[in-house]
Amino acid sequence: MHLTPTEMERLTIFTAAELARRYLSKGIRLAHPEAVALLADELLSFARLGHSHSEIVSHAGTLLTAQQVEPGVAHMLKTFSVEVSMAEGTKLVTVFDPIAPAPGDPIPGEVIPAQGEIEINAGRDAITITVLNTGDRTIQVRSHAHFFEVNPALQFDREAAFGMRLDRPSGGGERFDPGIEKQIVLVPYGGKRVVHGFAGLTEGPVDSGLASAVAAATARGYMK
């Protein structure tokens, strides 16, 4: 017997759906692939019985409950599509929320923050410096940047900023508009305190590289 790819897929769905039914008979909650297989198999069979599109969609919501699937599976099946064979030909049937989530059902990927506030850069010796943008366009500096090496159009005490970065959350930053002085807060780098990249003025430990970094910054016009 020679089967077409579509017929092979149908048999694969049926086999997985039978496994899902066996799990349900033993009280085992279904994982996402098993739930998908069971839904697909039931809708394919329901369509072959001659039911209409609206009847197939309605039937999908009666097949599984949140108690029959693993926590989070219901949220992973917000939409479900399957190609069914109907009297007028093959049609794609899309079902929305075929499994109603239970109250408190976890959402996969959900971030649940702890109660209270978290102080960023706690215990770091912060400094406040004044920065003037001497350029003719806005400059933005991100939180991770070694402030000593930022755009040379920004005028400030660069030596004081060596080994420092903005006291801002990860992904945050500061905006410096032309001709406007702005006070910012910097904190020392943590960890191994080794800086590479940026403008290439440091390229090494910030605890011992100030002199060479200042010489490089002066040679390239970052400092006078």
Protein backbone atom coordinates (compact mmCIF):
# COMPACT_ATOMS: atom_id res chain seq x y z
CA MET A 1 0.00 0.00 0.00
CA HIS A 2 1.35 3.39 -0.98
CA LEU A 3 0.33 6.36 1.17
CA THR A 4 0.52 10.03 0.26
CA PRO A 5 2.34 12.46 2.58
CA THR A 6 -1.07 13.73 3.79
CA GLU A 7 -2.16 10.20 4.65
CA MET A 8 1.10 9.55 6.49
CA GLU A 9 0.58 12.73 8.51
CA ARG A 10 -2.96 11.63 9.35
CA LEU A 11 -1.68 8.32 10.69
CA THR A 12 0.97 10.12 12.75
CA ILE A 13 -1.69 12.38 14.26
CA PHE A 14 -3.90 9.39 15.02
CA THR A 15 -1.06 7.50 16.72
CA ALA A 16 -0.14 10.50 18.89
CA ALA A 17 -3.81 11.07 19.70
CA GLU A 18 -4.21 7.45 20.78
CA LEU A 19 -1.25 7.92 23.13
CA ALA A 20 -2.97 11.02 24.52
CA ARG A 21 -6.20 9.09 25.07
CA ARG A 22 -4.29 6.35 26.86
CA TYR A 23 -2.68 8.95 29.13
CA LEU A 24 -6.07 10.48 29.90
CA SER A 25 -7.50 7.05 30.76
CA LYS A 26 -4.74 6.66 33.34
CA GLY A 27 -5.21 10.16 34.75
CA ILE A 28 -2.02 11.53 33.20
CA ARG A 29 -2.23 15.19 32.19
CA LEU A 30 -1.30 15.93 28.59
CA ALA A 31 1.73 17.90 27.44
CA HIS A 32 1.37 20.40 24.60
CA PRO A 33 2.15 18.00 21.67
CA GLU A 34 -0.23 15.39 23.05
CA ALA A 35 -3.02 17.92 23.49
CA VAL A 36 -2.49 19.20 19.94
CA ALA A 37 -2.59 15.66 18.53
CA LEU A 38 -5.82 14.82 20.33
CA LEU A 39 -7.54 18.03 19.25
CA ALA A 40 -6.42 17.58 15.64
CA ASP A 41 -7.53 13.95 15.49
CA GLU A 42 -10.95 14.71 16.96
CA LEU A 43 -11.59 17.63 14.60
CA LEU A 44 -10.44 15.68 11.55
CA SER A 45 -12.80 12.85 12.44
CA PHE A 46 -15.63 15.25 13.27
CA ALA A 47 -15.27 16.90 9.87
CA ARG A 48 -15.37 13.52 8.08
CA LEU A 49 -18.72 12.89 9.78
CA GLY A 50 -20.12 15.77 7.74
CA HIS A 51 -20.34 18.53 10.34
CA SER A 52 -20.24 22.18 9.31
CA HIS A 53 -17.42 24.63 9.96
CA SER A 54 -19.24 26.28 12.86
CA GLU A 55 -20.03 22.90 14.42
CA ILE A 56 -16.36 21.87 14.20
CA VAL A 57 -15.26 25.11 15.88
CA SER A 58 -17.83 24.67 18.66
CA HIS A 59 -16.86 21.03 19.15
CA ALA A 60 -13.20 21.97 19.71
CA GLY A 61 -14.05 23.71 22.97
CA THR A 62 -15.63 20.56 24.43
CA LEU A 63 -12.69 18.18 24.03
CA LEU A 64 -10.21 19.07 26.79
CA THR A 65 -10.27 20.93 30.09
CA ALA A 66 -7.47 22.69 31.94
CA GLN A 67 -7.45 19.83 34.45
CA GLN A 68 -6.56 17.35 31.71
CA VAL A 69 -3.45 19.15 30.49
CA GLU A 70 -0.22 20.19 32.15
CA PRO A 71 -0.10 23.66 33.75
CA GLY A 72 0.45 26.34 31.10
CA VAL A 73 -0.65 24.23 28.12
CA ALA A 74 -3.99 26.05 27.81
CA HIS A 75 -2.17 29.37 27.40
CA MET A 76 0.10 27.83 24.74
CA LEU A 77 -2.95 26.98 22.64
CA LYS A 78 -4.45 30.44 22.13
CA THR A 79 -5.01 29.53 18.48
CA PHE A 80 -5.18 26.13 16.88
CA SER A 81 -5.46 25.37 13.15
CA VAL A 82 -6.02 22.12 11.29
CA GLU A 83 -6.82 21.28 7.64
CA VAL A 84 -9.93 19.12 7.52
CA SER A 85 -11.64 17.27 4.68
CA MET A 86 -15.20 18.44 4.09
CA ALA A 87 -17.77 17.72 1.39
CA GLU A 88 -16.71 20.85 -0.51
CA GLY A 89 -12.99 20.06 -0.22
CA THR A 90 -10.10 20.67 2.16
CA LYS A 91 -10.51 23.66 4.49
CA LEU A 92 -8.37 25.25 7.17
CA VAL A 93 -10.26 25.48 10.44
CA THR A 94 -8.88 27.84 13.08
CA VAL A 95 -10.04 27.62 16.68
CA PHE A 96 -9.36 30.23 19.35
CA ASP A 97 -8.81 29.18 22.98
CA PRO A 98 -9.87 25.52 22.57
CA ILE A 99 -8.91 24.87 26.22
CA ALA A 100 -10.17 27.35 28.82
CA PRO A 101 -7.33 28.13 31.30
CA ALA A 102 -8.02 27.42 34.95
CA PRO A 103 -7.85 30.29 37.47
CA GLY A 104 -4.22 30.86 38.41
CA ASP A 105 -2.92 28.70 35.57
CA PRO A 106 0.69 29.79 34.93
CA ILE A 107 1.50 31.53 31.65
CA PRO A 108 4.65 30.09 30.01
CA GLY A 109 7.35 32.75 29.92
CA GLU A 110 5.54 34.93 32.44
CA VAL A 111 7.74 37.00 34.73
CA ILE A 112 6.46 37.16 38.30
CA PRO A 113 8.45 39.80 40.24
CA ALA A 114 9.03 39.50 43.95
CA GLN A 115 7.40 41.94 46.32
CA GLY A 116 9.29 45.06 47.37
CA GLU A 117 11.88 47.29 45.75
CA ILE A 118 15.35 46.37 44.47
CA GLU A 119 18.08 49.00 44.79
CA ILE A 120 20.32 49.00 41.73
CA ASN A 121 24.07 49.26 42.24
CA ALA A 122 23.66 48.99 46.00
CA GLY A 123 26.83 49.85 47.91
CA ARG A 124 28.65 51.38 44.91
CA ASP A 125 30.56 54.65 45.50
CA ALA A 126 28.55 56.91 43.20
CA ILE A 127 29.73 60.30 41.95
CA THR A 128 27.83 63.18 40.36
CA ILE A 129 29.37 65.05 37.43
CA THR A 130 28.19 67.80 35.08
CA VAL A 131 28.14 67.03 31.36
CA LEU A 132 27.84 69.57 28.51
CA ASN A 133 27.09 68.54 24.94
CA THR A 134 29.27 70.85 22.81
CA GLY A 135 28.07 69.27 19.57
CA ASP A 136 25.18 70.22 17.31
CA ARG A 137 23.08 67.09 17.76
CA THR A 138 21.67 64.95 20.54
CA ILE A 139 23.92 62.26 22.01
CA GLN A 140 22.60 59.21 23.83
CA VAL A 141 24.70 57.08 26.17
CA ARG A 142 23.55 53.65 27.37
CA SER A 143 23.91 52.30 30.88
CA HIS A 144 26.72 49.84 30.08
CA ALA A 145 29.04 52.35 28.34
CA HIS A 146 32.40 53.22 29.89
CA PHE A 147 31.68 56.89 30.43
CA PHE A 148 35.32 57.87 30.12
CA GLU A 149 35.14 56.83 26.45
CA VAL A 150 31.84 58.37 25.36
CA ASN A 151 31.49 60.84 22.46
CA PRO A 152 34.27 63.50 22.51
CA ALA A 153 31.63 66.19 21.99
CA LEU A 154 30.55 65.60 25.59
CA GLN A 155 32.56 67.84 27.89
CA PHE A 156 33.10 66.72 31.50
CA ASP A 157 35.79 65.59 33.96
CA ARG A 158 36.86 62.44 32.09
CA GLU A 159 39.49 61.38 34.61
CA ALA A 160 36.82 61.30 37.31
CA ALA A 161 34.67 59.10 35.05
CA PHE A 162 37.37 56.49 34.47
CA GLY A 163 36.11 53.01 35.34
CA MET A 164 32.57 54.35 35.77
CA ARG A 165 29.22 53.90 34.04
CA LEU A 166 25.77 55.44 34.36
CA ASP A 167 23.80 54.65 37.49
CA ARG A 168 20.87 53.40 35.44
CA PRO A 169 19.14 50.02 35.05
CA SER A 170 20.34 47.69 32.31
CA GLY A 171 19.08 48.92 28.95
CA GLY A 172 18.54 52.46 30.22
CA GLY A 173 20.60 55.52 29.42
CA GLU A 174 20.86 59.30 29.31
CA ARG A 175 20.11 61.82 26.57
CA PHE A 176 22.32 64.88 26.16
CA ASP A 177 20.89 67.72 24.07
CA PRO A 178 23.18 70.26 22.37
CA GLY A 179 24.33 73.18 24.52
CA ILE A 180 22.59 71.99 27.69
CA GLU A 181 24.46 71.07 30.88
CA LYS A 182 23.18 68.03 32.68
CA GLN A 183 24.13 66.41 35.99
CA ILE A 184 24.41 62.63 35.99
CA VAL A 185 25.32 59.96 38.50
CA LEU A 186 28.05 57.43 37.75
CA VAL A 187 28.98 54.23 39.59
CA PRO A 188 32.11 52.05 39.35
CA TYR A 189 32.08 48.90 37.27
CA GLY A 190 31.78 45.69 39.27
CA GLY A 191 33.10 42.21 38.59
CA LYS A 192 36.65 41.93 37.22
CA ARG A 193 36.62 45.62 36.25
CA VAL A 194 38.18 44.99 32.84
CA VAL A 195 37.03 47.19 29.94
CA HIS A 196 37.39 46.36 26.25
CA GLY A 197 35.83 47.90 23.18
CA PHE A 198 33.90 51.18 23.24
CA ALA A 199 36.35 53.82 21.85
CA GLY A 200 39.36 51.56 22.45
CA LEU A 201 40.91 53.96 24.96
CA THR A 202 41.20 51.52 27.86
CA GLU A 203 41.49 47.91 26.67
CA GLY A 204 42.32 46.44 30.05
CA PRO A 205 41.88 46.73 33.83
CA VAL A 206 40.45 50.03 35.01
CA ASP A 207 42.23 49.77 38.37
CA SER A 208 45.65 50.33 36.81
CA GLY A 209 45.11 51.73 33.31
CA LEU A 210 44.26 55.39 33.93
CA ALA A 211 47.56 56.88 32.73
CA SER A 212 47.62 55.04 29.41
CA ALA A 213 43.91 55.70 28.85
CA VAL A 214 44.38 59.44 29.46
CA ALA A 215 47.31 59.51 27.03
CA ALA A 216 45.20 57.75 24.38
CA ALA A 217 42.23 60.05 24.99
CA THR A 218 44.44 63.15 24.72
CA ALA A 219 46.05 61.94 21.50
CA ARG A 220 42.66 61.35 19.90
CA GLY A 221 41.06 64.62 21.01
CA TYR A 222 38.86 63.31 23.78
CA MET A 223 40.75 65.40 26.34
CA LYS A 224 42.82 68.58 26.21
